[in-house]
Amino acid sequence: GAIARVCADAGQTCTDPNFAVTGDWECACVAPATLILKGAQKPAECALDECTATCAGCAGTVCGEQACEDPDTSANSRHDWMCVCKAPEMGTGLTKPAVCKLDECTAQCGTCANSGAGHVCSMQGQTCEDKDVDARATGTWECKCKAPSYGAAVGAAATCTLDECMTEANQERCAMEGQMCMDPSHDPASVGDWTCTCAPPAVGTALMQAAACVLDECNVMANTETCAAAGQVCVDPAPAAGAEDDWECWCMFGAAKATMGPATCELNECEDTCP
């Protein structure tokens, strides 16, 4: 009848505790739902925790070692339970085991970057990256140096290197003058010691700026040998960089000289002193 339908529409059964009395009928929860509040002449308040109840579609032993959570335990809310990974692992699976993940950079665990004594990477001013967050893969995190330093180490703090010549601005400052940038120390604590060095055969070095290069063309062996083969000496009258092809061979006696080749030497025995 109409009374029984009130309970049936709520998925419950109708019970009459005393057939001799009218108006005392109740709606009762249907197992595996449990009663929260009796329903006197109305549907009862029932609960169904699918993680703990025994029913078709309930969790049962599906979650195994994982935790089970039922976010809505109202009797009419079905098939919403989930398996939840245990901390520090993360992940959920709706009505099935979860695929657990473990970011060893952010979690605290025995194999993590923070095993309880503080974060290994952050304490050194470095960043942490876990290349494989599958919970079954442990010890895959690494510390990475922050730019402009570089370096990385798996499962430990990295040894960082800083080459100030890797900085584009420093490279360009030297390169614009055709010079090389050199950093004598790659220790991150050693900064402001990079230099611009002239490209051979020019010589010259300057700290943190372009160098004033000197090019003595007589330092070029071929030029020196050219003069020496004629018994003459090589002289570069303007060794500044940019003044090229002006080296000269000078006679050992007299004032004769020639540019970029042996001179024609003459000996005035009255004026010149010779061996």
C-alpha atoms as a PDB file:
ATOM      1  CA  GLY A   1       0.000   0.000   0.000  1.00  0.00           C
ATOM      2  CA  ALA A   2       0.856   3.656   0.160  1.00  0.00           C
ATOM      3  CA  ILE A   3       2.635   3.305   3.527  1.00  0.00           C
ATOM      4  CA  ALA A   4       4.867   0.487   2.317  1.00  0.00           C
ATOM      5  CA  ARG A   5       5.703   2.521  -0.786  1.00  0.00           C
ATOM      6  CA  VAL A   6       7.099   5.360   1.395  1.00  0.00           C
ATOM      7  CA  CYS A   7       9.767   2.984   2.681  1.00  0.00           C
ATOM      8  CA  ALA A   8      10.273   1.143  -0.588  1.00  0.00           C
ATOM      9  CA  ASP A   9      10.950   4.372  -2.488  1.00  0.00           C
ATOM     10  CA  ALA A  10      13.847   4.978  -0.056  1.00  0.00           C
ATOM     11  CA  GLY A  11      15.175   1.460  -0.566  1.00  0.00           C
ATOM     12  CA  GLN A  12      13.970   0.418   2.892  1.00  0.00           C
ATOM     13  CA  THR A  13      11.477  -2.025   4.349  1.00  0.00           C
ATOM     14  CA  CYS A  14       8.335  -1.199   6.269  1.00  0.00           C
ATOM     15  CA  THR A  15       7.859  -2.708   9.723  1.00  0.00           C
ATOM     16  CA  ASP A  16       4.879  -2.563  12.105  1.00  0.00           C
ATOM     17  CA  PRO A  17       6.025  -3.331  15.676  1.00  0.00           C
ATOM     18  CA  ASN A  18       2.460  -3.677  17.049  1.00  0.00           C
ATOM     19  CA  PHE A  19      -0.403  -4.806  14.889  1.00  0.00           C
ATOM     20  CA  ALA A  20      -2.907  -3.686  17.542  1.00  0.00           C
ATOM     21  CA  VAL A  21      -1.793  -0.093  17.391  1.00  0.00           C
ATOM     22  CA  THR A  22      -2.125   2.243  14.426  1.00  0.00           C
ATOM     23  CA  GLY A  23       0.375   4.926  13.363  1.00  0.00           C
ATOM     24  CA  ASP A  24       3.421   3.122  14.732  1.00  0.00           C
ATOM     25  CA  TRP A  25       4.873   1.808  11.463  1.00  0.00           C
ATOM     26  CA  GLU A  26       8.543   2.430  10.715  1.00  0.00           C
ATOM     27  CA  CYS A  27      10.934   2.318   7.812  1.00  0.00           C
ATOM     28  CA  ALA A  28      13.964   0.086   8.461  1.00  0.00           C
ATOM     29  CA  CYS A  29      17.373   0.037   6.789  1.00  0.00           C
ATOM     30  CA  VAL A  30      18.191  -2.898   4.532  1.00  0.00           C
ATOM     31  CA  ALA A  31      21.477  -4.693   5.189  1.00  0.00           C
ATOM     32  CA  PRO A  32      24.276  -4.021   4.765  1.00  0.00           C
ATOM     33  CA  ALA A  33      23.153  -0.464   5.528  1.00  0.00           C
ATOM     34  CA  THR A  34      23.112   0.411   9.222  1.00  0.00           C
ATOM     35  CA  LEU A  35      20.619   2.519  11.130  1.00  0.00           C
ATOM     36  CA  ILE A  36      21.478   6.024  12.200  1.00  0.00           C
ATOM     37  CA  LEU A  37      17.996   7.268  13.129  1.00  0.00           C
ATOM     38  CA  LYS A  38      14.727   5.382  13.107  1.00  0.00           C
ATOM     39  CA  GLY A  39      12.136   6.432  10.585  1.00  0.00           C
ATOM     40  CA  ALA A  40       8.799   6.707  12.385  1.00  0.00           C
ATOM     41  CA  GLN A  41       6.198   7.109   9.661  1.00  0.00           C
ATOM     42  CA  LYS A  42       8.997   8.192   7.316  1.00  0.00           C
ATOM     43  CA  PRO A  43      12.222   6.831   5.801  1.00  0.00           C
ATOM     44  CA  ALA A  44      14.979   6.100   8.305  1.00  0.00           C
ATOM     45  CA  GLU A  45      18.431   7.624   8.206  1.00  0.00           C
ATOM     46  CA  CYS A  46      20.721   4.830   7.040  1.00  0.00           C
ATOM     47  CA  ALA A  47      24.444   4.637   6.502  1.00  0.00           C
ATOM     48  CA  LEU A  48      26.562   2.394   4.304  1.00  0.00           C
ATOM     49  CA  ASP A  49      30.330   2.491   4.581  1.00  0.00           C
ATOM     50  CA  GLU A  50      31.392   0.454   1.584  1.00  0.00           C
ATOM     51  CA  CYS A  51      34.878   0.103   3.054  1.00  0.00           C
ATOM     52  CA  THR A  52      33.700  -1.860   6.088  1.00  0.00           C
ATOM     53  CA  ALA A  53      30.426  -3.353   4.929  1.00  0.00           C
ATOM     54  CA  THR A  54      30.063  -6.711   3.239  1.00  0.00           C
ATOM     55  CA  CYS A  55      28.109  -6.334   0.034  1.00  0.00           C
ATOM     56  CA  ALA A  56      28.334  -6.794  -3.692  1.00  0.00           C
ATOM     57  CA  GLY A  57      30.488  -3.955  -4.940  1.00  0.00           C
ATOM     58  CA  CYS A  58      31.959  -3.138  -1.528  1.00  0.00           C
ATOM     59  CA  ALA A  59      35.697  -2.825  -1.020  1.00  0.00           C
ATOM     60  CA  GLY A  60      36.261  -6.088   0.773  1.00  0.00           C
ATOM     61  CA  THR A  61      39.946  -6.940   0.458  1.00  0.00           C
ATOM     62  CA  VAL A  62      40.488  -5.069  -2.819  1.00  0.00           C
ATOM     63  CA  CYS A  63      42.645  -2.321  -1.279  1.00  0.00           C
ATOM     64  CA  GLY A  64      45.027  -4.756   0.372  1.00  0.00           C
ATOM     65  CA  GLU A  65      47.688  -2.824   2.292  1.00  0.00           C
ATOM     66  CA  GLN A  66      46.254   0.479   1.095  1.00  0.00           C
ATOM     67  CA  ALA A  67      43.692   2.434   3.084  1.00  0.00           C
ATOM     68  CA  CYS A  68      40.024   2.493   2.064  1.00  0.00           C
ATOM     69  CA  GLU A  69      37.884   5.612   2.195  1.00  0.00           C
ATOM     70  CA  ASP A  70      34.179   6.081   1.487  1.00  0.00           C
ATOM     71  CA  PRO A  71      33.631   9.838   1.018  1.00  0.00           C
ATOM     72  CA  ASP A  72      29.821   9.536   1.197  1.00  0.00           C
ATOM     73  CA  THR A  73      28.437   6.935   3.584  1.00  0.00           C
ATOM     74  CA  SER A  74      24.783   7.680   2.942  1.00  0.00           C
ATOM     75  CA  ALA A  75      22.994   4.442   2.062  1.00  0.00           C
ATOM     76  CA  ASN A  76      22.050   5.639  -1.412  1.00  0.00           C
ATOM     77  CA  SER A  77      25.596   6.584  -2.335  1.00  0.00           C
ATOM     78  CA  ARG A  78      27.158   3.489  -3.850  1.00  0.00           C
ATOM     79  CA  HIS A  79      30.342   2.625  -5.703  1.00  0.00           C
ATOM     80  CA  ASP A  80      32.220   5.729  -4.588  1.00  0.00           C
ATOM     81  CA  TRP A  81      34.727   4.093  -2.245  1.00  0.00           C
ATOM     82  CA  MET A  82      38.378   4.365  -3.083  1.00  0.00           C
ATOM     83  CA  CYS A  83      41.719   2.850  -2.226  1.00  0.00           C
ATOM     84  CA  VAL A  84      44.165   5.428  -0.886  1.00  0.00           C
ATOM     85  CA  CYS A  85      47.956   5.149  -0.767  1.00  0.00           C
ATOM     86  CA  LYS A  86      49.514   5.364   2.660  1.00  0.00           C
ATOM     87  CA  ALA A  87      51.755   8.339   3.462  1.00  0.00           C
ATOM     88  CA  PRO A  88      54.237   9.378   2.308  1.00  0.00           C
ATOM     89  CA  GLU A  89      53.006   7.813  -0.926  1.00  0.00           C
ATOM     90  CA  MET A  90      50.208   9.559  -2.803  1.00  0.00           C
ATOM     91  CA  GLY A  91      47.409   8.360  -5.068  1.00  0.00           C
ATOM     92  CA  THR A  92      43.818   7.092  -5.097  1.00  0.00           C
ATOM     93  CA  GLY A  93      41.935   4.494  -7.071  1.00  0.00           C
ATOM     94  CA  LEU A  94      38.130   4.606  -7.455  1.00  0.00           C
ATOM     95  CA  THR A  95      36.794   1.135  -6.554  1.00  0.00           C
ATOM     96  CA  LYS A  96      40.228  -0.329  -7.307  1.00  0.00           C
ATOM     97  CA  PRO A  97      43.760  -0.278  -5.931  1.00  0.00           C
ATOM     98  CA  ALA A  98      45.562   3.021  -6.342  1.00  0.00           C
ATOM     99  CA  VAL A  99      48.697   3.525  -8.411  1.00  0.00           C
ATOM    100  CA  CYS A 100      50.927   5.055  -5.756  1.00  0.00           C
ATOM    101  CA  LYS A 101      53.478   7.758  -6.367  1.00  0.00           C
ATOM    102  CA  LEU A 102      56.300   8.946  -4.177  1.00  0.00           C
ATOM    103  CA  ASP A 103      58.046  12.227  -4.892  1.00  0.00           C
ATOM    104  CA  GLU A 104      61.170  11.816  -2.837  1.00  0.00           C
ATOM    105  CA  CYS A 105      61.872  15.540  -3.136  1.00  0.00           C
ATOM    106  CA  THR A 106      58.717  16.651  -1.320  1.00  0.00           C
ATOM    107  CA  ALA A 107      57.993  13.661   0.947  1.00  0.00           C
ATOM    108  CA  GLN A 108      59.771  12.718   4.142  1.00  0.00           C
ATOM    109  CA  CYS A 109      60.921   9.107   4.215  1.00  0.00           C
ATOM    110  CA  GLY A 110      63.973   6.934   4.694  1.00  0.00           C
ATOM    111  CA  THR A 111      65.038   7.156   1.036  1.00  0.00           C
ATOM    112  CA  CYS A 112      63.833  10.728   0.488  1.00  0.00           C
ATOM    113  CA  ALA A 113      65.910  13.885   0.210  1.00  0.00           C
ATOM    114  CA  ASN A 114      64.533  14.641   3.658  1.00  0.00           C
ATOM    115  CA  SER A 115      64.889  11.566   5.832  1.00  0.00           C
ATOM    116  CA  GLY A 116      63.996  13.559   8.938  1.00  0.00           C
ATOM    117  CA  ALA A 117      67.161  15.583   9.457  1.00  0.00           C
ATOM    118  CA  GLY A 118      66.290  18.310   6.942  1.00  0.00           C
ATOM    119  CA  HIS A 119      66.209  18.518   3.167  1.00  0.00           C
ATOM    120  CA  VAL A 120      69.628  17.644   1.725  1.00  0.00           C
ATOM    121  CA  CYS A 121      69.236  19.826  -1.381  1.00  0.00           C
ATOM    122  CA  SER A 122      67.602  22.916   0.111  1.00  0.00           C
ATOM    123  CA  MET A 123      70.147  23.081   2.921  1.00  0.00           C
ATOM    124  CA  GLN A 124      72.805  23.572   0.214  1.00  0.00           C
ATOM    125  CA  GLY A 125      70.708  26.118  -1.680  1.00  0.00           C
ATOM    126  CA  GLN A 126      70.003  23.612  -4.448  1.00  0.00           C
ATOM    127  CA  THR A 127      66.829  22.341  -6.088  1.00  0.00           C
ATOM    128  CA  CYS A 128      65.559  18.766  -5.974  1.00  0.00           C
ATOM    129  CA  GLU A 129      64.143  16.710  -8.817  1.00  0.00           C
ATOM    130  CA  ASP A 130      62.748  13.177  -8.665  1.00  0.00           C
ATOM    131  CA  LYS A 131      63.000  11.721 -12.154  1.00  0.00           C
ATOM    132  CA  ASP A 132      60.793   8.687 -11.353  1.00  0.00           C
ATOM    133  CA  VAL A 133      57.929   9.188  -8.896  1.00  0.00           C
ATOM    134  CA  ASP A 134      56.667   5.612  -9.128  1.00  0.00           C
ATOM    135  CA  ALA A 135      56.467   4.474  -5.491  1.00  0.00           C
ATOM    136  CA  ARG A 136      58.415   1.349  -6.405  1.00  0.00           C
ATOM    137  CA  ALA A 137      61.350   3.422  -7.670  1.00  0.00           C
ATOM    138  CA  THR A 138      63.321   4.820  -4.748  1.00  0.00           C
ATOM    139  CA  GLY A 139      66.595   6.685  -4.599  1.00  0.00           C
ATOM    140  CA  THR A 140      65.920   8.422  -7.933  1.00  0.00           C
ATOM    141  CA  TRP A 141      65.983  11.997  -6.648  1.00  0.00           C
ATOM    142  CA  GLU A 142      68.850  14.339  -7.364  1.00  0.00           C
ATOM    143  CA  CYS A 143      70.100  17.709  -6.183  1.00  0.00           C
ATOM    144  CA  LYS A 144      70.704  20.275  -8.927  1.00  0.00           C
ATOM    145  CA  CYS A 145      72.679  23.501  -8.656  1.00  0.00           C
ATOM    146  CA  LYS A 146      70.844  26.745  -9.296  1.00  0.00           C
ATOM    147  CA  ALA A 147      71.796  28.851 -12.322  1.00  0.00           C
ATOM    148  CA  PRO A 148      74.235  30.246 -13.199  1.00  0.00           C
ATOM    149  CA  SER A 149      76.033  27.439 -11.344  1.00  0.00           C
ATOM    150  CA  TYR A 150      75.723  23.942 -12.784  1.00  0.00           C
ATOM    151  CA  GLY A 151      76.078  20.416 -11.495  1.00  0.00           C
ATOM    152  CA  ALA A 152      73.884  17.577 -10.217  1.00  0.00           C
ATOM    153  CA  ALA A 153      74.184  14.500  -8.022  1.00  0.00           C
ATOM    154  CA  VAL A 154      71.844  11.536  -7.494  1.00  0.00           C
ATOM    155  CA  GLY A 155      70.904  10.907  -3.879  1.00  0.00           C
ATOM    156  CA  ALA A 156      73.202  13.594  -2.491  1.00  0.00           C
ATOM    157  CA  ALA A 157      74.048  17.292  -2.568  1.00  0.00           C
ATOM    158  CA  ALA A 158      75.729  18.315  -5.805  1.00  0.00           C
ATOM    159  CA  THR A 159      79.187  19.800  -6.237  1.00  0.00           C
ATOM    160  CA  CYS A 160      78.416  23.038  -8.030  1.00  0.00           C
ATOM    161  CA  THR A 161      80.561  24.697 -10.669  1.00  0.00           C
ATOM    162  CA  LEU A 162      80.398  28.325 -11.733  1.00  0.00           C
ATOM    163  CA  ASP A 163      82.155  29.395 -14.923  1.00  0.00           C
ATOM    164  CA  GLU A 164      81.538  33.123 -15.214  1.00  0.00           C
ATOM    165  CA  CYS A 165      82.476  32.906 -18.875  1.00  0.00           C
ATOM    166  CA  MET A 166      79.307  30.896 -19.460  1.00  0.00           C
ATOM    167  CA  THR A 167      77.401  34.125 -18.832  1.00  0.00           C
ATOM    168  CA  GLU A 168      76.407  35.581 -22.188  1.00  0.00           C
ATOM    169  CA  ALA A 169      77.202  39.179 -21.209  1.00  0.00           C
ATOM    170  CA  ASN A 170      80.744  38.258 -20.163  1.00  0.00           C
ATOM    171  CA  GLN A 171      81.288  36.195 -23.302  1.00  0.00           C
ATOM    172  CA  GLU A 172      80.148  39.055 -25.525  1.00  0.00           C
ATOM    173  CA  ARG A 173      82.304  41.611 -23.741  1.00  0.00           C
ATOM    174  CA  CYS A 174      85.428  39.672 -24.720  1.00  0.00           C
ATOM    175  CA  ALA A 175      84.211  38.347 -28.072  1.00  0.00           C
ATOM    176  CA  MET A 176      83.416  41.843 -29.382  1.00  0.00           C
ATOM    177  CA  GLU A 177      87.168  42.553 -29.249  1.00  0.00           C
ATOM    178  CA  GLY A 178      88.106  39.164 -30.681  1.00  0.00           C
ATOM    179  CA  GLN A 179      89.314  38.002 -27.275  1.00  0.00           C
ATOM    180  CA  MET A 180      88.726  34.926 -25.149  1.00  0.00           C
ATOM    181  CA  CYS A 181      86.916  34.865 -21.812  1.00  0.00           C
ATOM    182  CA  MET A 182      88.677  32.842 -19.134  1.00  0.00           C
ATOM    183  CA  ASP A 183      87.615  32.056 -15.569  1.00  0.00           C
ATOM    184  CA  PRO A 184      90.569  30.800 -13.502  1.00  0.00           C
ATOM    185  CA  SER A 185      88.367  29.370 -10.718  1.00  0.00           C
ATOM    186  CA  HIS A 186      85.075  27.540 -11.113  1.00  0.00           C
ATOM    187  CA  ASP A 187      84.299  27.639  -7.398  1.00  0.00           C
ATOM    188  CA  PRO A 188      80.855  29.287  -6.971  1.00  0.00           C
ATOM    189  CA  ALA A 189      82.337  31.309  -4.108  1.00  0.00           C
ATOM    190  CA  SER A 190      84.958  32.784  -6.432  1.00  0.00           C
ATOM    191  CA  VAL A 191      83.296  35.512  -8.464  1.00  0.00           C
ATOM    192  CA  GLY A 192      84.550  38.603 -10.240  1.00  0.00           C
ATOM    193  CA  ASP A 193      87.808  36.950 -11.326  1.00  0.00           C
ATOM    194  CA  TRP A 194      87.096  36.302 -15.000  1.00  0.00           C
ATOM    195  CA  THR A 195      89.338  37.911 -17.588  1.00  0.00           C
ATOM    196  CA  CYS A 196      89.457  38.806 -21.267  1.00  0.00           C
ATOM    197  CA  THR A 197      92.604  37.363 -22.832  1.00  0.00           C
ATOM    198  CA  CYS A 198      94.001  38.319 -26.210  1.00  0.00           C
ATOM    199  CA  ALA A 199      94.012  35.694 -28.934  1.00  0.00           C
ATOM    200  CA  PRO A 200      97.512  34.458 -29.880  1.00  0.00           C
ATOM    201  CA  PRO A 201      99.889  35.617 -31.116  1.00  0.00           C
ATOM    202  CA  ALA A 202      98.744  38.821 -29.385  1.00  0.00           C
ATOM    203  CA  VAL A 203      99.263  38.959 -25.640  1.00  0.00           C
ATOM    204  CA  GLY A 204      97.380  40.775 -22.891  1.00  0.00           C
ATOM    205  CA  THR A 205      94.825  40.152 -20.157  1.00  0.00           C
ATOM    206  CA  ALA A 206      92.350  42.364 -18.324  1.00  0.00           C
ATOM    207  CA  LEU A 207      90.102  41.677 -15.349  1.00  0.00           C
ATOM    208  CA  MET A 208      86.398  41.792 -16.188  1.00  0.00           C
ATOM    209  CA  GLN A 209      86.915  43.918 -19.302  1.00  0.00           C
ATOM    210  CA  ALA A 210      88.479  43.838 -22.759  1.00  0.00           C
ATOM    211  CA  ALA A 211      92.277  43.714 -22.667  1.00  0.00           C
ATOM    212  CA  ALA A 212      94.711  46.103 -24.364  1.00  0.00           C
ATOM    213  CA  CYS A 213      96.416  43.603 -26.624  1.00  0.00           C
ATOM    214  CA  VAL A 214     100.035  43.715 -27.713  1.00  0.00           C
ATOM    215  CA  LEU A 215     101.115  41.964 -30.900  1.00  0.00           C
ATOM    216  CA  ASP A 216     104.859  41.717 -31.356  1.00  0.00           C
ATOM    217  CA  GLU A 217     105.146  40.144 -34.769  1.00  0.00           C
ATOM    218  CA  CYS A 218     108.719  39.177 -34.000  1.00  0.00           C
ATOM    219  CA  ASN A 219     107.291  36.621 -31.592  1.00  0.00           C
ATOM    220  CA  VAL A 220     106.117  34.786 -34.686  1.00  0.00           C
ATOM    221  CA  MET A 221     108.869  32.252 -35.323  1.00  0.00           C
ATOM    222  CA  ALA A 222     108.652  32.486 -39.098  1.00  0.00           C
ATOM    223  CA  ASN A 223     109.344  36.232 -39.012  1.00  0.00           C
ATOM    224  CA  THR A 224     112.253  35.859 -36.609  1.00  0.00           C
ATOM    225  CA  GLU A 225     113.737  33.049 -38.690  1.00  0.00           C
ATOM    226  CA  THR A 226     113.446  35.113 -41.864  1.00  0.00           C
ATOM    227  CA  CYS A 227     115.613  37.838 -40.370  1.00  0.00           C
ATOM    228  CA  ALA A 228     117.990  35.447 -38.619  1.00  0.00           C
ATOM    229  CA  ALA A 229     118.676  33.559 -41.842  1.00  0.00           C
ATOM    230  CA  ALA A 230     120.086  36.808 -43.243  1.00  0.00           C
ATOM    231  CA  GLY A 231     122.091  37.463 -40.090  1.00  0.00           C
ATOM    232  CA  GLN A 232     119.676  40.202 -39.065  1.00  0.00           C
ATOM    233  CA  VAL A 233     117.373  40.848 -36.109  1.00  0.00           C
ATOM    234  CA  CYS A 234     113.589  41.153 -36.145  1.00  0.00           C
ATOM    235  CA  VAL A 235     112.081  44.350 -34.742  1.00  0.00           C
ATOM    236  CA  ASP A 236     108.393  45.281 -34.470  1.00  0.00           C
ATOM    237  CA  PRO A 237     108.254  49.085 -34.286  1.00  0.00           C
ATOM    238  CA  ALA A 238     104.529  49.216 -33.330  1.00  0.00           C
ATOM    239  CA  PRO A 239     103.531  46.181 -31.303  1.00  0.00           C
ATOM    240  CA  ALA A 240     100.008  47.399 -30.540  1.00  0.00           C
ATOM    241  CA  ALA A 241      97.265  45.066 -31.678  1.00  0.00           C
ATOM    242  CA  GLY A 242      95.902  46.207 -35.015  1.00  0.00           C
ATOM    243  CA  ALA A 243      99.275  47.412 -36.244  1.00  0.00           C
ATOM    244  CA  GLU A 244     100.194  44.368 -38.278  1.00  0.00           C
ATOM    245  CA  ASP A 245     102.535  43.541 -41.151  1.00  0.00           C
ATOM    246  CA  ASP A 246     105.009  46.181 -40.050  1.00  0.00           C
ATOM    247  CA  TRP A 247     107.782  44.002 -38.638  1.00  0.00           C
ATOM    248  CA  GLU A 248     111.244  44.713 -39.904  1.00  0.00           C
ATOM    249  CA  CYS A 249     114.611  43.040 -40.360  1.00  0.00           C
ATOM    250  CA  TRP A 250     117.468  45.208 -39.084  1.00  0.00           C
ATOM    251  CA  CYS A 251     121.047  44.823 -40.072  1.00  0.00           C
ATOM    252  CA  MET A 252     123.454  43.942 -37.275  1.00  0.00           C
ATOM    253  CA  PHE A 253     125.499  47.037 -38.184  1.00  0.00           C
ATOM    254  CA  GLY A 254     124.548  50.224 -39.917  1.00  0.00           C
ATOM    255  CA  ALA A 255     121.064  51.693 -40.097  1.00  0.00           C
ATOM    256  CA  ALA A 256     119.658  49.617 -42.927  1.00  0.00           C
ATOM    257  CA  LYS A 257     116.342  47.840 -42.380  1.00  0.00           C
ATOM    258  CA  ALA A 258     113.480  46.444 -44.423  1.00  0.00           C
ATOM    259  CA  THR A 259     109.802  45.756 -43.772  1.00  0.00           C
ATOM    260  CA  MET A 260     108.691  42.127 -43.695  1.00  0.00           C
ATOM    261  CA  GLY A 261     111.930  40.787 -45.158  1.00  0.00           C
ATOM    262  CA  PRO A 262     115.727  40.943 -45.010  1.00  0.00           C
ATOM    263  CA  ALA A 263     117.380  44.332 -45.503  1.00  0.00           C
ATOM    264  CA  THR A 264     120.261  45.092 -47.868  1.00  0.00           C
ATOM    265  CA  CYS A 265     123.051  45.706 -45.437  1.00  0.00           C
ATOM    266  CA  GLU A 266     126.155  47.827 -46.146  1.00  0.00           C
ATOM    267  CA  LEU A 267     129.266  48.142 -44.014  1.00  0.00           C
ATOM    268  CA  ASN A 268     130.995  51.501 -43.683  1.00  0.00           C
ATOM    269  CA  GLU A 269     134.190  50.410 -42.009  1.00  0.00           C
ATOM    270  CA  CYS A 270     134.953  54.016 -41.088  1.00  0.00           C
ATOM    271  CA  GLU A 271     131.702  54.575 -39.231  1.00  0.00           C
ATOM    272  CA  ASP A 272     130.308  51.164 -38.276  1.00  0.00           C
ATOM    273  CA  THR A 273     131.650  48.899 -35.637  1.00  0.00           C
ATOM    274  CA  CYS A 274     131.656  45.254 -36.584  1.00  0.00           C
ATOM    275  CA  PRO A 275     132.939  42.110 -34.944  1.00  0.00           C
END
